[in-house]
Amino acid sequence: MVCSGGVMAVIYSIIGFIAFYQDKLDISAFSFVVVGGILSFLWFNIPPAKFYMTEIGYNALSFTLVIITFMTDTVLLLPIIAFPLFITLISTILQVFSVRLFKKRLFKIAPLHHHFEAIG
């Protein structure tokens, strides 16, 4: 989850700047507080890791991100801002459909970033 934490920090920073530009200072401040929390998590997650985010933390970040995008009217920008997360999701869905329909894998390992690690 370190990679997704770093990606989420960038995404929340972008949303924070958009909210600041829209003069929604409370949402902007909240976004940057979340960025600070993610960066402190990444600091303490340097090997040997002191604690782990797990799916609970990642789901909380994801749900909060969706709520913030609704509050800032940037829902249509979310696929562009969160492109790395969508690529991971799409590659996993494609892998599952390919295995079930054609009995053949598209990638060595899903999601896509693990495939890139596997091929070197």
Protein backbone atom coordinates (compact mmCIF):
# COMPACT_ATOMS: atom_id res chain seq x y z
CA MET A 1 0.00 0.00 0.00
CA VAL A 2 3.01 2.31 0.01
CA CYS A 3 2.60 3.03 -3.68
CA SER A 4 -1.11 3.74 -3.33
CA GLY A 5 -0.37 5.96 -0.33
CA GLY A 6 2.02 8.04 -2.41
CA VAL A 7 -0.45 8.25 -5.27
CA MET A 8 -3.22 9.26 -2.86
CA ALA A 9 -1.00 12.02 -1.45
CA VAL A 10 -0.59 13.46 -4.94
CA ILE A 11 -4.31 13.12 -5.68
CA TYR A 12 -5.32 14.82 -2.43
CA SER A 13 -2.81 17.60 -3.13
CA ILE A 14 -4.38 18.24 -6.53
CA ILE A 15 -7.87 18.25 -5.02
CA GLY A 16 -6.62 20.58 -2.27
CA PHE A 17 -5.28 23.06 -4.83
CA ILE A 18 -8.53 22.88 -6.82
CA ALA A 19 -10.56 23.53 -3.65
CA PHE A 20 -8.25 26.44 -2.76
CA TYR A 21 -8.73 27.87 -6.25
CA GLN A 22 -12.52 27.55 -5.81
CA ASP A 23 -12.22 29.44 -2.49
CA LYS A 24 -13.42 26.41 -0.50
CA LEU A 25 -10.78 26.81 2.15
CA ASP A 26 -12.23 24.28 4.59
CA ILE A 27 -12.11 21.49 2.00
CA SER A 28 -8.65 22.61 0.92
CA ALA A 29 -7.38 22.55 4.50
CA PHE A 30 -8.89 19.11 5.06
CA SER A 31 -7.25 17.80 1.88
CA PHE A 32 -3.85 19.04 2.96
CA VAL A 33 -4.33 17.58 6.45
CA VAL A 34 -5.00 14.23 4.79
CA VAL A 35 -1.83 14.72 2.71
CA GLY A 36 0.10 15.32 5.93
CA GLY A 37 -1.36 12.15 7.43
CA ILE A 38 -0.46 10.12 4.36
CA LEU A 39 3.09 11.49 4.31
CA SER A 40 3.56 10.68 7.99
CA PHE A 41 2.28 7.17 7.27
CA LEU A 42 4.81 6.84 4.46
CA TRP A 43 7.58 8.07 6.77
CA PHE A 44 6.83 5.41 9.38
CA ASN A 45 6.26 2.75 6.71
CA ILE A 46 9.91 2.81 5.61
CA PRO A 47 11.29 -0.71 6.15
CA PRO A 48 11.06 -2.09 8.72
CA ALA A 49 7.46 -0.91 8.73
CA LYS A 50 6.02 0.14 12.08
CA PHE A 51 2.38 -0.19 10.98
CA TYR A 52 0.35 -0.95 7.87
CA MET A 53 -2.55 0.84 6.20
CA THR A 54 -4.49 -2.27 5.07
CA GLU A 55 -7.75 -2.04 3.16
CA ILE A 56 -9.55 -0.16 5.93
CA GLY A 57 -7.32 2.88 5.58
CA TYR A 58 -7.29 2.76 1.81
CA ASN A 59 -11.10 2.48 1.65
CA ALA A 60 -11.44 5.44 4.01
CA LEU A 61 -9.14 7.50 1.78
CA SER A 62 -11.06 6.45 -1.33
CA PHE A 63 -14.50 7.20 0.09
CA THR A 64 -13.33 10.55 1.44
CA LEU A 65 -11.85 11.39 -1.95
CA VAL A 66 -15.17 10.72 -3.67
CA ILE A 67 -17.05 12.86 -1.14
CA ILE A 68 -14.57 15.72 -1.59
CA THR A 69 -14.88 15.56 -5.37
CA PHE A 70 -18.65 15.86 -5.05
CA MET A 71 -18.25 18.83 -2.71
CA THR A 72 -15.90 20.59 -5.13
CA ASP A 73 -17.86 19.64 -8.27
CA THR A 74 -14.83 17.86 -9.74
CA VAL A 75 -16.40 14.44 -10.19
CA LEU A 76 -15.74 14.48 -13.93
CA LEU A 77 -12.07 15.28 -13.27
CA LEU A 78 -11.66 12.32 -10.92
CA PRO A 79 -10.81 9.76 -13.66
CA ILE A 80 -8.12 12.12 -14.95
CA ILE A 81 -6.69 12.95 -11.53
CA ALA A 82 -6.83 9.35 -10.29
CA PHE A 83 -5.64 7.80 -13.57
CA PRO A 84 -3.06 5.44 -11.95
CA LEU A 85 -5.73 4.01 -9.64
CA PHE A 86 -8.13 3.47 -12.54
CA ILE A 87 -5.44 1.74 -14.62
CA THR A 88 -4.88 -0.69 -11.75
CA LEU A 89 -8.60 -1.37 -11.49
CA ILE A 90 -9.09 -1.77 -15.23
CA SER A 91 -6.11 -4.12 -15.60
CA THR A 92 -7.46 -6.35 -12.85
CA ILE A 93 -10.94 -6.46 -14.42
CA LEU A 94 -9.46 -7.25 -17.84
CA GLN A 95 -7.34 -10.04 -16.36
CA VAL A 96 -10.35 -11.65 -14.66
CA PHE A 97 -12.53 -11.48 -17.80
CA SER A 98 -9.72 -12.80 -19.98
CA VAL A 99 -9.11 -15.79 -17.72
CA ARG A 100 -12.81 -16.60 -17.39
CA LEU A 101 -13.75 -16.16 -21.05
CA PHE A 102 -10.63 -17.18 -22.97
CA LYS A 103 -8.73 -19.21 -20.34
CA LYS A 104 -5.68 -17.07 -21.09
CA ARG A 105 -3.95 -14.37 -19.05
CA LEU A 106 -3.31 -10.91 -20.45
CA PHE A 107 -0.70 -10.13 -17.81
CA LYS A 108 1.67 -12.37 -15.86
CA ILE A 109 0.24 -10.99 -12.63
CA ALA A 110 -2.60 -8.55 -12.08
CA PRO A 111 -2.71 -5.59 -11.34
CA LEU A 112 -0.59 -3.97 -14.01
CA HIS A 113 2.21 -2.64 -11.78
CA HIS A 114 2.90 -6.17 -10.51
CA HIS A 115 3.05 -7.34 -14.12
CA PHE A 116 5.75 -4.75 -14.80
CA GLU A 117 7.64 -5.96 -11.73
CA ALA A 118 7.39 -9.57 -12.94
CA ILE A 119 8.75 -8.88 -16.41
CA GLY A 120 11.61 -6.82 -15.00
